[in-house]
Amino acid sequence: MSFGEFNEITVIIVLAATQEKKHVRALSQLNKIMSDENNIHTIHQAASAKEFMQPARTPVISNVR
């Protein structure tokens, strides 16, 4: 899906939380996962749901203190 010359959507992720504030933690984790180019590459190359979910199963190491 394209929204202009430089804005192309290649992945759509649906996020649902069962408790009111859990979505904040989930969004934070998703942000860390999608900030890594290797994870984005893995997601784009995934041929199965298991491969697609691999970045979410890998521990996220943050340099933020």
C-alpha atoms as a PDB file:
ATOM      1  CA  MET A   1       0.000   0.000   0.000  1.00  0.00           C
ATOM      2  CA  SER A   2       1.480   3.336  -0.951  1.00  0.00           C
ATOM      3  CA  PHE A   3       0.773   6.741   0.562  1.00  0.00           C
ATOM      4  CA  GLY A   4       3.012   8.796  -1.656  1.00  0.00           C
ATOM      5  CA  GLU A   5       6.406   8.579  -3.204  1.00  0.00           C
ATOM      6  CA  PHE A   6       8.330   7.751   0.001  1.00  0.00           C
ATOM      7  CA  ASN A   7       5.670   6.300   2.307  1.00  0.00           C
ATOM      8  CA  GLU A   8       4.990   2.661   1.586  1.00  0.00           C
ATOM      9  CA  ILE A   9       3.354   0.261   4.050  1.00  0.00           C
ATOM     10  CA  THR A  10       4.844  -3.219   3.914  1.00  0.00           C
ATOM     11  CA  VAL A  11       3.665  -4.629   7.255  1.00  0.00           C
ATOM     12  CA  ILE A  12       0.444  -4.143   9.194  1.00  0.00           C
ATOM     13  CA  ILE A  13       0.360  -5.342  12.798  1.00  0.00           C
ATOM     14  CA  VAL A  14      -2.813  -5.550  14.853  1.00  0.00           C
ATOM     15  CA  LEU A  15      -2.364  -5.076  18.583  1.00  0.00           C
ATOM     16  CA  ALA A  16      -4.979  -6.010  21.186  1.00  0.00           C
ATOM     17  CA  ALA A  17      -4.623  -5.916  24.960  1.00  0.00           C
ATOM     18  CA  THR A  18      -6.914  -7.519  27.498  1.00  0.00           C
ATOM     19  CA  GLN A  19      -6.257  -4.948  30.215  1.00  0.00           C
ATOM     20  CA  GLU A  20      -6.460  -1.192  30.068  1.00  0.00           C
ATOM     21  CA  LYS A  21      -2.757  -0.355  30.473  1.00  0.00           C
ATOM     22  CA  LYS A  22      -1.127  -3.465  28.969  1.00  0.00           C
ATOM     23  CA  HIS A  23      -1.214  -1.930  25.496  1.00  0.00           C
ATOM     24  CA  VAL A  24       1.413   0.624  26.580  1.00  0.00           C
ATOM     25  CA  ARG A  25       3.917  -2.132  27.390  1.00  0.00           C
ATOM     26  CA  ALA A  26       3.045  -3.980  24.189  1.00  0.00           C
ATOM     27  CA  LEU A  27       3.537  -0.815  22.112  1.00  0.00           C
ATOM     28  CA  SER A  28       6.889  -0.216  23.788  1.00  0.00           C
ATOM     29  CA  GLN A  29       8.045  -3.754  23.001  1.00  0.00           C
ATOM     30  CA  LEU A  30       6.781  -3.479  19.431  1.00  0.00           C
ATOM     31  CA  ASN A  31       8.655  -0.197  19.019  1.00  0.00           C
ATOM     32  CA  LYS A  32      11.912  -1.839  20.172  1.00  0.00           C
ATOM     33  CA  ILE A  33      11.395  -4.791  17.832  1.00  0.00           C
ATOM     34  CA  MET A  34      10.604  -2.617  14.802  1.00  0.00           C
ATOM     35  CA  SER A  35      13.532  -0.265  15.517  1.00  0.00           C
ATOM     36  CA  ASP A  36      15.965  -3.025  14.550  1.00  0.00           C
ATOM     37  CA  GLU A  37      16.566  -3.321  10.794  1.00  0.00           C
ATOM     38  CA  ASN A  38      17.422  -7.029  11.188  1.00  0.00           C
ATOM     39  CA  ASN A  39      13.978  -7.662  12.650  1.00  0.00           C
ATOM     40  CA  ILE A  40      12.291  -5.800   9.814  1.00  0.00           C
ATOM     41  CA  HIS A  41      14.262  -7.883   7.305  1.00  0.00           C
ATOM     42  CA  THR A  42      13.273 -11.103   9.121  1.00  0.00           C
ATOM     43  CA  ILE A  43       9.606 -10.091   9.046  1.00  0.00           C
ATOM     44  CA  HIS A  44       9.733  -9.218   5.333  1.00  0.00           C
ATOM     45  CA  GLN A  45      11.403 -12.523   4.468  1.00  0.00           C
ATOM     46  CA  ALA A  46       9.131 -14.689   6.634  1.00  0.00           C
ATOM     47  CA  ALA A  47       7.489 -17.592   4.827  1.00  0.00           C
ATOM     48  CA  SER A  48       5.480 -18.773   7.833  1.00  0.00           C
ATOM     49  CA  ALA A  49       3.803 -17.419  10.960  1.00  0.00           C
ATOM     50  CA  LYS A  50       6.594 -18.968  13.042  1.00  0.00           C
ATOM     51  CA  GLU A  51       9.253 -17.070  11.074  1.00  0.00           C
ATOM     52  CA  PHE A  52       7.196 -13.871  11.240  1.00  0.00           C
ATOM     53  CA  MET A  53       7.000 -14.111  15.031  1.00  0.00           C
ATOM     54  CA  GLN A  54      10.717 -14.822  15.520  1.00  0.00           C
ATOM     55  CA  PRO A  55      11.683 -11.189  16.316  1.00  0.00           C
ATOM     56  CA  ALA A  56       9.034 -11.112  19.062  1.00  0.00           C
ATOM     57  CA  ARG A  57      10.498 -14.283  20.613  1.00  0.00           C
ATOM     58  CA  THR A  58      14.042 -12.933  20.645  1.00  0.00           C
ATOM     59  CA  PRO A  59      14.934 -10.971  23.796  1.00  0.00           C
ATOM     60  CA  VAL A  60      15.074  -7.230  23.177  1.00  0.00           C
ATOM     61  CA  ILE A  61      18.247  -5.601  24.476  1.00  0.00           C
ATOM     62  CA  SER A  62      17.888  -1.917  25.107  1.00  0.00           C
ATOM     63  CA  ASN A  63      20.671   0.633  25.433  1.00  0.00           C
ATOM     64  CA  VAL A  64      18.313   2.994  27.245  1.00  0.00           C
ATOM     65  CA  ARG A  65      19.037   3.343  30.957  1.00  0.00           C
END
